């Protein structure tokens, strides 16, 4: 036990006596017992762990040692990897070390006067589908017949994507929480590809006198389309609006945040209750070209999320799969594909399956069509009983996670994070991928 927590003890030894006294009011044995208790670790443990890490940062910062952030990363990796919830809290809560204080009161670590929700956007009616897809594919060499093929997915549901109503529900839930518990911030909403467009929202924020907003992106993982491209969208909108545009600070990714894990684990447990025996669990995420995945933490983060959710839900028989691939067959994408996996399960004689789309924060079109329609039909054809676990959606823990991110210091992405896939410059080149994460 002492060996497991030796790095924590060593780190505490670097602190002044006053700080050490303030942050070690629990014996080592209590830490061990509480962390070992399993999926649900008491909030008091998270709070003490966060304060401990903050102390490390502040002590070194006062001494002029700016290696503190790396020290904290080491503390996370060496001491807390065994409990992903604590690890996720630390990761999202302490890396912006130059602005951390030990204030335990309810106040934002950053001075925001609004919350901006950024999302992908989606059509609201049949007439919107083609214009929406043209926005998504502008500047890309995608054959029109491929675009029309994707359009059929939307027409299957009357031309309306579920994402906009889901964002409205999320904004309503977050607004109620902030009104009840603070901080009381107005909430704005801007999309990349459909109304309300981000540039129009930023223009309205300027008119309303907003100076600095927290930007929450409805994507949990690091990738070009789910992270860096949103930063580019923000910069482009600010440029179009011009002087007086508000500063927008993108909140960090949250793939390992304890509340995101809890929300997904709770959804998975609900699906598990349908079965009398433990079924196989297939975690799914949107496939992307392997070349794009190689330049981002996408796959690593998905594996970490799947591991943490499975652990908290008590699942041992699981696998991470991919769905919704596009592009030409000659272009490698992340595999294995969910449909191929379903066929393999059938060949092995397995007849019970849960699909848990942890790669999505709500029931996007890819979930409703690619899983609830296509994958469900394949399972019916093969005689497999399939249940689909819900996404985080408006789960209370997911809603509260957004508040947590606002209140804690912001981890700033590196300038070169999640670069875009470099397309070939030759005159003859394959059509680029159509990745619709959240439409």
Protein backbone atom coordinates (compact mmCIF):
# COMPACT_ATOMS: atom_id res chain seq x y z
CA UNK A 1 0.00 0.00 0.00
CA UNK A 2 2.75 2.44 0.94
CA UNK A 3 4.56 1.64 -2.30
CA UNK A 4 1.42 2.47 -4.29
CA UNK A 5 1.17 5.90 -2.70
CA UNK A 6 4.88 6.59 -2.42
CA UNK A 7 4.81 9.20 -5.21
CA UNK A 8 2.06 11.08 -3.34
CA UNK A 9 4.09 11.00 -0.14
CA UNK A 10 7.18 12.12 -2.03
CA UNK A 11 5.26 14.98 -3.58
CA UNK A 12 3.90 16.03 -0.20
CA UNK A 13 7.45 16.17 1.09
CA UNK A 14 8.15 18.99 -1.38
CA UNK A 15 5.47 21.18 0.19
CA UNK A 16 5.79 23.59 3.05
CA UNK A 17 4.65 22.42 6.47
CA UNK A 18 1.46 24.49 6.34
CA UNK A 19 0.38 23.05 3.01
CA UNK A 20 1.21 19.51 4.12
CA UNK A 21 -0.88 19.89 7.23
CA UNK A 22 -3.79 21.28 5.25
CA UNK A 23 -3.95 18.45 2.73
CA UNK A 24 -3.13 15.25 4.62
CA UNK A 25 -5.94 15.10 7.12
CA UNK A 26 -6.75 11.53 6.00
CA UNK A 27 -4.41 8.62 6.76
CA UNK A 28 -3.00 6.65 3.88
CA UNK A 29 -5.20 3.69 4.78
CA UNK A 30 -8.37 5.72 4.24
CA UNK A 31 -7.24 6.81 0.79
CA UNK A 32 -6.53 3.19 -0.11
CA UNK A 33 -9.89 1.96 1.17
CA UNK A 34 -11.92 4.70 -0.43
CA UNK A 35 -10.24 4.46 -3.81
CA UNK A 36 -10.49 0.65 -3.73
CA UNK A 37 -14.23 0.82 -3.01
CA UNK A 38 -14.84 0.73 -6.72
CA UNK A 39 -16.80 2.60 -9.32
CA UNK A 40 -18.21 5.34 -7.09
CA UNK A 41 -15.62 7.27 -5.13
CA UNK A 42 -16.98 9.85 -2.66
CA UNK A 43 -16.80 13.49 -3.74
CA UNK A 44 -14.72 14.26 -0.64
CA UNK A 45 -11.92 12.06 -2.01
CA UNK A 46 -11.99 13.86 -5.35
CA UNK A 47 -11.93 17.24 -3.62
CA UNK A 48 -8.97 16.29 -1.44
CA UNK A 49 -7.12 14.81 -4.41
CA UNK A 50 -7.69 17.93 -6.45
CA UNK A 51 -6.51 20.17 -3.61
CA UNK A 52 -3.40 18.04 -3.20
CA UNK A 53 -2.49 18.45 -6.86
CA UNK A 54 -3.19 22.17 -6.70
CA UNK A 55 -0.84 22.44 -3.75
CA UNK A 56 1.94 20.84 -5.78
CA UNK A 57 1.38 23.34 -8.57
CA UNK A 58 1.14 26.40 -6.37
CA UNK A 59 4.18 25.50 -4.30
CA UNK A 60 6.38 25.14 -7.36
CA UNK A 61 4.92 28.17 -9.10
CA UNK A 62 5.73 30.35 -6.11
CA UNK A 63 9.26 29.03 -6.25
CA UNK A 64 9.52 30.03 -9.91
CA UNK A 65 9.60 26.41 -11.09
CA UNK A 66 7.35 26.20 -14.14
CA UNK A 67 7.73 22.44 -14.48
CA UNK A 68 4.73 22.09 -12.15
CA UNK A 69 2.31 21.06 -14.86
CA UNK A 70 4.53 18.14 -15.83
CA UNK A 71 4.82 17.15 -12.19
CA UNK A 72 1.06 16.99 -11.97
CA UNK A 73 0.89 14.87 -15.12
CA UNK A 74 3.34 12.50 -13.48
CA UNK A 75 1.30 12.40 -10.31
CA UNK A 76 -1.76 11.46 -12.31
CA UNK A 77 -0.06 8.78 -14.35
CA UNK A 78 1.96 7.14 -11.58
CA UNK A 79 -0.46 7.27 -8.68
CA UNK A 80 -3.98 7.44 -9.98
CA UNK A 81 -4.14 5.47 -13.20
CA UNK A 82 -5.69 2.66 -11.20
CA UNK A 83 -8.80 4.76 -10.60
CA UNK A 84 -9.83 6.49 -13.80
CA UNK A 85 -12.42 8.72 -12.16
CA UNK A 86 -9.84 10.47 -10.00
CA UNK A 87 -7.47 10.59 -12.96
CA UNK A 88 -10.13 12.26 -15.10
CA UNK A 89 -10.94 14.84 -12.44
CA UNK A 90 -7.30 15.77 -12.08
CA UNK A 91 -6.82 15.94 -15.82
CA UNK A 92 -9.67 18.38 -16.35
CA UNK A 93 -9.19 20.33 -13.16
CA UNK A 94 -5.60 21.34 -12.57
CA UNK A 95 -3.43 21.74 -15.66
CA UNK A 96 -3.91 25.47 -16.13
CA UNK A 97 -1.51 25.85 -13.25
CA UNK A 98 -0.64 29.54 -13.59
CA UNK A 99 -4.14 30.64 -12.52
CA UNK A 100 -4.96 28.16 -9.76
CA UNK A 101 -5.81 29.26 -6.22
CA UNK A 102 -6.69 27.35 -3.09
CA UNK A 103 -10.01 29.17 -2.79
CA UNK A 104 -12.65 26.61 -1.84
CA UNK A 105 -15.51 29.02 -2.43
CA UNK A 106 -17.92 28.83 -5.38
CA UNK A 107 -16.31 30.99 -7.99
CA UNK A 108 -15.07 30.49 -11.50
CA UNK A 109 -11.34 30.10 -11.95
CA UNK A 110 -11.79 32.04 -15.18
CA UNK A 111 -13.86 35.21 -15.48
CA UNK A 112 -16.62 34.19 -17.91
CA UNK A 113 -19.73 36.22 -18.52
CA UNK A 114 -21.46 33.66 -20.79
CA UNK A 115 -21.49 30.02 -21.86
CA UNK A 116 -21.37 29.20 -25.57
CA UNK A 117 -22.44 25.72 -26.70
CA UNK A 118 -20.79 24.79 -30.01
CA UNK A 119 -22.09 21.91 -32.09
CA UNK A 120 -22.14 20.39 -35.55
CA UNK A 121 -25.66 21.35 -36.56
CA UNK A 122 -28.25 19.45 -38.55
CA UNK A 123 -31.27 19.96 -40.80
CA UNK A 124 -34.66 20.71 -39.25
CA UNK A 125 -36.81 19.62 -42.22
CA UNK A 126 -36.61 17.81 -45.54
CA UNK A 127 -35.89 20.99 -47.50
CA UNK A 128 -32.83 21.63 -45.32
CA UNK A 129 -31.05 18.35 -46.01
CA UNK A 130 -29.26 19.13 -49.29
CA UNK A 131 -28.24 22.69 -48.30
CA UNK A 132 -26.96 21.31 -45.01
CA UNK A 133 -24.89 18.60 -46.70
CA UNK A 134 -23.55 21.14 -49.19
CA UNK A 135 -22.32 23.18 -46.23
CA UNK A 136 -20.66 20.12 -44.71
CA UNK A 137 -18.96 19.16 -47.98
CA UNK A 138 -18.04 22.61 -49.29
CA UNK A 139 -14.51 22.57 -50.70
CA UNK A 140 -14.31 18.77 -50.77
CA UNK A 141 -14.16 16.61 -53.84
CA UNK A 142 -17.10 14.37 -52.95
CA UNK A 143 -19.26 12.91 -55.74
CA UNK A 144 -22.85 14.16 -55.68
CA UNK A 145 -24.17 10.61 -55.71
CA UNK A 146 -22.37 9.98 -52.40
CA UNK A 147 -23.97 13.11 -50.93
CA UNK A 148 -27.40 11.95 -52.06
CA UNK A 149 -26.74 8.57 -50.47
CA UNK A 150 -26.10 10.27 -47.12
CA UNK A 151 -29.20 12.42 -47.63
CA UNK A 152 -31.33 9.29 -47.63
CA UNK A 153 -30.37 8.70 -44.00
CA UNK A 154 -32.00 12.02 -43.11
CA UNK A 155 -35.03 11.44 -45.34
CA UNK A 156 -35.59 8.18 -43.47
CA UNK A 157 -36.47 10.37 -40.46
CA UNK A 158 -38.44 13.00 -42.36
CA UNK A 159 -35.40 15.15 -43.10
CA UNK A 160 -34.89 16.20 -39.48
CA UNK A 161 -31.72 15.53 -37.54
CA UNK A 162 -32.19 14.87 -33.82
CA UNK A 163 -29.17 16.91 -32.81
CA UNK A 164 -30.78 20.34 -32.64
CA UNK A 165 -33.58 19.28 -30.29
CA UNK A 166 -31.03 17.43 -28.20
CA UNK A 167 -28.90 20.55 -27.92
CA UNK A 168 -31.96 22.57 -26.93
CA UNK A 169 -32.73 20.04 -24.19
CA UNK A 170 -29.12 20.10 -22.96
CA UNK A 171 -29.04 23.91 -22.92
CA UNK A 172 -32.30 23.97 -20.98
CA UNK A 173 -30.97 21.48 -18.40
CA UNK A 174 -27.67 23.31 -17.97
CA UNK A 175 -29.47 26.64 -17.70
CA UNK A 176 -31.66 25.35 -14.89
CA UNK A 177 -28.64 24.01 -13.02
CA UNK A 178 -26.70 27.26 -13.35
CA UNK A 179 -29.73 29.26 -12.23
CA UNK A 180 -30.16 27.06 -9.17
CA UNK A 181 -26.51 26.65 -8.15
CA UNK A 182 -24.56 29.25 -10.09
CA UNK A 183 -22.69 30.68 -11.76
CA UNK A 184 -25.60 32.48 -13.42
CA UNK A 185 -24.51 32.85 -17.02
CA UNK A 186 -26.49 33.43 -20.20
CA UNK A 187 -26.17 30.51 -22.60
CA UNK A 188 -25.65 30.94 -26.34
CA UNK A 189 -25.63 28.29 -29.03
CA UNK A 190 -23.81 28.25 -32.36
CA UNK A 191 -23.36 25.53 -35.01
CA UNK A 192 -20.72 24.82 -37.62
CA UNK A 193 -23.01 23.72 -40.45
CA UNK A 194 -26.58 24.89 -39.82
CA UNK A 195 -28.72 27.41 -37.99
CA UNK A 196 -27.99 28.93 -35.58
CA UNK A 197 -24.65 29.53 -37.28
CA UNK A 198 -21.72 30.29 -35.01
CA UNK A 199 -20.93 33.60 -36.70
CA UNK A 200 -24.49 34.84 -36.11
CA UNK A 201 -24.29 33.79 -32.48
CA UNK A 202 -20.95 35.56 -31.96
CA UNK A 203 -22.43 38.69 -33.53
CA UNK A 204 -25.35 38.52 -31.10
CA UNK A 205 -22.96 38.03 -28.18
CA UNK A 206 -21.08 41.17 -29.17
CA UNK A 207 -24.37 43.10 -29.36
CA UNK A 208 -25.28 41.84 -25.89
CA UNK A 209 -21.99 43.08 -24.47
CA UNK A 210 -20.44 39.67 -23.83
CA UNK A 211 -16.69 40.01 -23.41
CA UNK A 212 -15.46 36.53 -22.44
CA UNK A 213 -17.31 33.23 -22.84
CA UNK A 214 -16.61 29.61 -21.99
CA UNK A 215 -17.01 27.47 -25.11
CA UNK A 216 -18.40 23.97 -24.57
CA UNK A 217 -18.07 21.70 -27.63
CA UNK A 218 -20.44 18.72 -27.88
CA UNK A 219 -17.54 16.37 -28.63
CA UNK A 220 -15.72 14.47 -25.91
CA UNK A 221 -12.60 13.40 -27.79
CA UNK A 222 -9.52 14.93 -29.33
CA UNK A 223 -9.60 14.86 -33.13
CA UNK A 224 -9.46 17.42 -35.92
CA UNK A 225 -13.23 17.58 -36.47
CA UNK A 226 -14.04 17.27 -32.76
CA UNK A 227 -11.47 19.69 -31.35
CA UNK A 228 -9.17 21.78 -33.50
CA UNK A 229 -11.73 22.52 -36.21
CA UNK A 230 -14.00 24.08 -33.58
CA UNK A 231 -11.15 26.36 -32.55
CA UNK A 232 -10.78 27.32 -36.21
CA UNK A 233 -14.55 27.90 -36.40
CA UNK A 234 -14.35 30.24 -33.42
CA UNK A 235 -11.45 32.21 -34.90
CA UNK A 236 -13.23 32.48 -38.26
CA UNK A 237 -16.44 33.74 -36.65
CA UNK A 238 -14.54 36.28 -34.55
CA UNK A 239 -12.78 37.49 -37.68
CA UNK A 240 -16.06 37.95 -39.55
CA UNK A 241 -17.71 39.78 -36.66
CA UNK A 242 -14.67 41.97 -36.23
CA UNK A 243 -13.84 44.49 -33.54
CA UNK A 244 -15.54 43.86 -30.23
CA UNK A 245 -15.94 40.12 -30.77
CA UNK A 246 -15.97 38.29 -27.44
CA UNK A 247 -13.07 36.14 -26.38
CA UNK A 248 -14.16 32.50 -26.43
CA UNK A 249 -12.19 30.01 -24.36
CA UNK A 250 -12.76 26.44 -25.50
CA UNK A 251 -13.31 24.20 -22.49
CA UNK A 252 -11.15 21.05 -22.40
CA UNK A 253 -12.13 17.68 -23.77
CA UNK A 254 -13.86 15.52 -21.20
CA UNK A 255 -13.50 11.91 -22.30
CA UNK A 256 -12.27 10.81 -18.86
CA UNK A 257 -14.22 13.24 -16.69
CA UNK A 258 -15.75 11.25 -13.87
CA UNK A 259 -19.25 12.58 -14.53
CA UNK A 260 -19.08 11.69 -18.23
CA UNK A 261 -17.97 8.20 -17.25
CA UNK A 262 -20.75 7.91 -14.67
CA UNK A 263 -23.42 9.04 -17.16
CA UNK A 264 -22.34 6.46 -19.74
CA UNK A 265 -21.96 3.71 -17.15
CA UNK A 266 -25.45 4.43 -15.86
CA UNK A 267 -26.89 4.16 -19.38
CA UNK A 268 -25.04 0.89 -19.87
CA UNK A 269 -26.32 -0.54 -16.59
CA UNK A 270 -29.89 0.25 -17.69
CA UNK A 271 -29.37 -1.85 -20.84
CA UNK A 272 -27.74 -4.65 -18.85
CA UNK A 273 -30.88 -5.05 -16.73
CA UNK A 274 -32.74 -6.33 -19.78
CA UNK A 275 -30.62 -9.50 -19.84
CA UNK A 276 -30.62 -12.34 -17.36
CA UNK A 277 -27.04 -13.29 -18.33
CA UNK A 278 -24.15 -10.96 -19.03
CA UNK A 279 -24.20 -10.04 -22.74
CA UNK A 280 -21.30 -8.95 -24.89
CA UNK A 281 -20.88 -5.16 -24.97
CA UNK A 282 -19.78 -3.35 -28.13
CA UNK A 283 -18.64 0.23 -27.51
CA UNK A 284 -18.83 2.24 -30.73
CA UNK A 285 -17.47 5.53 -32.04
CA UNK A 286 -17.41 7.29 -35.40
CA UNK A 287 -14.71 5.83 -37.62
CA UNK A 288 -12.20 8.22 -39.16
CA UNK A 289 -9.36 7.72 -41.65
CA UNK A 290 -6.42 6.00 -39.98
CA UNK A 291 -4.13 8.81 -41.16
CA UNK A 292 -6.29 11.33 -39.31
CA UNK A 293 -6.41 9.15 -36.20
CA UNK A 294 -2.61 8.99 -36.18
CA UNK A 295 -2.36 12.76 -35.61
CA UNK A 296 -4.70 12.95 -32.62
CA UNK A 297 -5.41 11.24 -29.27
CA UNK A 298 -8.77 9.99 -30.59
CA UNK A 299 -8.17 6.23 -30.35
CA UNK A 300 -6.27 6.42 -27.06
CA UNK A 301 -9.02 8.47 -25.46
CA UNK A 302 -11.77 6.19 -26.75
CA UNK A 303 -10.01 3.16 -25.29
CA UNK A 304 -9.62 4.94 -21.98
CA UNK A 305 -13.30 5.92 -21.89
CA UNK A 306 -14.40 2.38 -22.78
CA UNK A 307 -12.18 0.93 -20.06
CA UNK A 308 -13.50 3.32 -17.41
CA UNK A 309 -17.16 2.88 -18.37
CA UNK A 310 -16.83 -0.91 -18.45
CA UNK A 311 -15.12 -0.93 -15.07
CA UNK A 312 -17.77 1.25 -13.47
CA UNK A 313 -20.63 -0.79 -14.97
CA UNK A 314 -19.02 -4.07 -13.95
CA UNK A 315 -18.55 -5.29 -17.54
CA UNK A 316 -15.64 -7.53 -18.52
CA UNK A 317 -16.75 -8.86 -21.92
CA UNK A 318 -16.46 -5.85 -24.22
CA UNK A 319 -14.77 -4.51 -27.32
CA UNK A 320 -14.28 -1.08 -28.93
CA UNK A 321 -15.69 -0.93 -32.48
CA UNK A 322 -16.21 1.76 -35.12
CA UNK A 323 -19.19 2.76 -37.21
CA UNK A 324 -20.37 5.15 -39.92
CA UNK A 325 -17.25 4.93 -42.09
CA UNK A 326 -17.25 6.65 -45.45
CA UNK A 327 -14.77 7.39 -48.21
CA UNK A 328 -13.46 5.05 -50.91
CA UNK A 329 -12.55 1.44 -50.09
CA UNK A 330 -8.92 2.24 -50.93
CA UNK A 331 -8.68 4.64 -47.99
CA UNK A 332 -7.99 2.90 -44.67
CA UNK A 333 -10.37 3.78 -41.84
CA UNK A 334 -10.45 2.72 -38.21
CA UNK A 335 -11.68 -0.83 -37.72
CA UNK A 336 -13.21 -3.24 -36.79
CA UNK A 337 -16.60 -2.13 -38.07
CA UNK A 338 -19.67 -2.82 -35.93
CA UNK A 339 -21.46 -4.73 -38.70
CA UNK A 340 -18.47 -7.04 -39.22
CA UNK A 341 -18.31 -7.56 -35.47
CA UNK A 342 -21.99 -8.52 -35.30
CA UNK A 343 -21.43 -11.15 -37.99
CA UNK A 344 -18.40 -12.48 -36.11
CA UNK A 345 -20.44 -12.75 -32.90
CA UNK A 346 -23.07 -14.73 -34.77
CA UNK A 347 -20.42 -17.08 -36.15
CA UNK A 348 -19.18 -17.66 -32.59
CA UNK A 349 -22.69 -18.56 -31.47
CA UNK A 350 -23.32 -15.46 -29.39
CA UNK A 351 -26.89 -14.25 -29.37
CA UNK A 352 -26.97 -11.36 -26.88
CA UNK A 353 -25.42 -7.93 -27.48
CA UNK A 354 -25.45 -4.39 -26.12
CA UNK A 355 -24.20 -1.60 -28.36
CA UNK A 356 -23.03 1.43 -26.34
CA UNK A 357 -22.17 4.43 -28.57
CA UNK A 358 -19.75 6.15 -26.20
CA UNK A 359 -18.26 8.11 -29.11
CA UNK A 360 -21.39 10.29 -29.20
CA UNK A 361 -22.74 12.55 -26.47
CA UNK A 362 -26.35 12.28 -27.68
CA UNK A 363 -28.45 10.20 -30.07
CA UNK A 364 -27.13 11.67 -33.31
CA UNK A 365 -28.22 10.59 -36.78
CA UNK A 366 -25.38 8.07 -36.82
CA UNK A 367 -26.87 6.47 -33.73
CA UNK A 368 -30.47 6.46 -34.95
CA UNK A 369 -29.71 5.26 -38.47
CA UNK A 370 -26.44 3.30 -38.34
CA UNK A 371 -27.23 1.54 -35.06
CA UNK A 372 -30.97 1.66 -34.34
CA UNK A 373 -31.82 0.96 -37.97
CA UNK A 374 -29.02 -0.81 -39.87
CA UNK A 375 -27.32 -2.65 -37.00
CA UNK A 376 -30.69 -3.55 -35.48
CA UNK A 377 -31.88 -5.02 -38.78
CA UNK A 378 -28.69 -7.07 -39.09
CA UNK A 379 -29.12 -8.41 -35.55
CA UNK A 380 -32.75 -9.33 -36.27
CA UNK A 381 -31.67 -11.14 -39.43
CA UNK A 382 -29.05 -13.14 -37.52
CA UNK A 383 -31.22 -13.88 -34.50
CA UNK A 384 -29.18 -11.73 -32.08
CA UNK A 385 -30.99 -9.98 -29.24
CA UNK A 386 -29.53 -6.47 -29.34
CA UNK A 387 -30.13 -3.60 -26.95
CA UNK A 388 -28.70 -0.18 -27.55
CA UNK A 389 -27.46 1.71 -24.49
CA UNK A 390 -28.37 5.37 -24.25
CA UNK A 391 -25.90 8.21 -24.72
CA UNK A 392 -25.05 10.80 -22.07
CA UNK A 393 -27.70 13.20 -23.44
CA UNK A 394 -29.18 15.14 -20.53
CA UNK A 395 -28.12 12.70 -17.83
CA UNK A 396 -27.80 14.71 -14.59
CA UNK A 397 -24.11 13.84 -14.25
CA UNK A 398 -23.36 15.01 -17.79
CA UNK A 399 -25.21 18.27 -17.18
CA UNK A 400 -23.33 18.82 -13.93
CA UNK A 401 -20.05 18.02 -15.69
CA UNK A 402 -20.50 21.11 -17.87
CA UNK A 403 -20.84 23.23 -14.75
CA UNK A 404 -17.70 21.58 -13.34
CA UNK A 405 -15.75 22.53 -16.47
CA UNK A 406 -16.88 26.15 -16.18
CA UNK A 407 -15.85 26.38 -12.53
CA UNK A 408 -12.42 24.81 -12.92
CA UNK A 409 -9.32 26.23 -14.60
CA UNK A 410 -9.17 25.66 -18.33
CA UNK A 411 -6.60 23.36 -19.88
CA UNK A 412 -5.41 25.10 -23.02
CA UNK A 413 -4.89 22.94 -26.12
CA UNK A 414 -1.47 23.14 -27.71
CA UNK A 415 -1.23 25.22 -30.86
CA UNK A 416 -0.55 22.17 -33.03
CA UNK A 417 -3.08 19.77 -31.50
CA UNK A 418 -5.19 17.50 -33.72
CA UNK A 419 -3.94 18.69 -37.13
CA UNK A 420 -6.13 18.09 -40.20
CA UNK A 421 -5.53 15.19 -42.55
CA UNK A 422 -3.26 16.31 -45.37
CA UNK A 423 -4.91 15.41 -48.63
CA UNK A 424 -2.86 14.41 -51.68
CA UNK A 425 -1.95 17.21 -54.08
CA UNK A 426 -1.96 15.06 -57.21
CA UNK A 427 -4.49 15.90 -59.92
CA UNK A 428 -6.15 12.52 -59.43
CA UNK A 429 -6.96 11.84 -55.81
CA UNK A 430 -9.51 9.82 -53.86
CA UNK A 431 -12.62 11.55 -52.62
CA UNK A 432 -12.07 12.75 -49.06
CA UNK A 433 -13.98 11.26 -46.19
CA UNK A 434 -17.44 12.37 -45.22
CA UNK A 435 -17.37 12.49 -41.45
CA UNK A 436 -20.64 13.67 -39.97
CA UNK A 437 -20.02 13.54 -36.22
CA UNK A 438 -23.27 14.78 -34.76
CA UNK A 439 -25.47 15.62 -37.72
